[in-house]
């Protein structure tokens, strides 16, 4: 099987990428529209790696503090 050009991840992988954020928190965020955009595959939520990276960069840009060295 060919590798997907933009791999997907499910809640356990997303939890790891986000530094151990509990899966329950991720599900709550999703239900309120917070966090990276997701979609469903069957009954499971999935996230594209590119969307997760985009969301993380957005969070960094809007919440960063301190001066550059």
Protein backbone atom coordinates (compact mmCIF):
# COMPACT_ATOMS: atom_id res chain seq x y z
CA UNK A 1 0.00 0.00 0.00
CA UNK A 2 1.33 3.44 -0.91
CA UNK A 3 2.05 5.90 1.87
CA UNK A 4 -0.59 8.60 2.27
CA UNK A 5 0.67 12.04 1.26
CA UNK A 6 -0.93 13.59 4.39
CA UNK A 7 -1.22 10.89 7.06
CA UNK A 8 -4.16 10.79 9.41
CA UNK A 9 -4.14 10.21 13.15
CA UNK A 10 -6.74 9.18 15.67
CA UNK A 11 -7.22 10.45 19.25
CA UNK A 12 -4.46 8.30 20.86
CA UNK A 13 -1.85 9.57 18.38
CA UNK A 14 -3.12 13.15 18.64
CA UNK A 15 -2.88 12.93 22.42
CA UNK A 16 0.77 11.95 22.10
CA UNK A 17 1.54 14.71 19.58
CA UNK A 18 -0.07 17.27 21.89
CA UNK A 19 2.15 16.26 24.80
CA UNK A 20 -0.22 13.92 26.58
CA UNK A 21 -3.42 15.97 26.49
CA UNK A 22 -6.09 13.47 27.65
CA UNK A 23 -8.27 11.99 24.92
CA UNK A 24 -11.34 13.17 26.82
CA UNK A 25 -10.08 16.75 26.53
CA UNK A 26 -9.51 16.27 22.82
CA UNK A 27 -13.07 14.95 22.41
CA UNK A 28 -14.41 17.90 24.41
CA UNK A 29 -12.43 20.39 22.34
CA UNK A 30 -13.79 18.78 19.17
CA UNK A 31 -17.38 19.02 20.44
CA UNK A 32 -16.94 22.75 21.10
CA UNK A 33 -15.13 23.57 17.86
CA UNK A 34 -11.76 24.13 19.53
CA UNK A 35 -8.59 22.40 18.37
CA UNK A 36 -7.52 21.16 14.96
CA UNK A 37 -10.28 20.37 12.46
CA UNK A 38 -11.29 16.75 12.41
CA UNK A 39 -13.47 14.48 10.32
CA UNK A 40 -15.08 11.11 10.80
CA UNK A 41 -14.01 7.75 9.45
CA UNK A 42 -16.85 5.47 10.39
CA UNK A 43 -17.53 6.23 14.04
CA UNK A 44 -14.02 7.51 14.82
CA UNK A 45 -12.68 11.05 14.65
CA UNK A 46 -9.55 11.55 12.58
CA UNK A 47 -7.12 14.43 12.09
CA UNK A 48 -4.83 15.15 9.16
CA UNK A 49 -1.23 15.69 10.22
CA UNK A 50 -1.06 18.91 8.19
CA UNK A 51 -4.11 20.29 10.02
CA UNK A 52 -2.65 19.44 13.43
CA UNK A 53 0.66 21.14 12.51
CA UNK A 54 -1.21 24.20 11.17
CA UNK A 55 -3.24 24.46 14.39
CA UNK A 56 -0.12 24.11 16.56
CA UNK A 57 1.63 26.87 14.60
CA UNK A 58 -1.44 29.09 15.00
CA UNK A 59 -1.46 28.45 18.75
CA UNK A 60 2.22 29.27 18.98
CA UNK A 61 1.80 32.49 17.01
CA UNK A 62 -1.16 33.73 19.07
CA UNK A 63 0.02 32.70 22.53
CA UNK A 64 3.82 33.10 22.42
CA UNK A 65 5.39 35.34 25.01
CA UNK A 66 8.86 36.71 25.53
CA UNK A 67 11.31 38.42 23.27
CA UNK A 68 13.39 36.79 20.58
CA UNK A 69 17.05 36.25 21.51
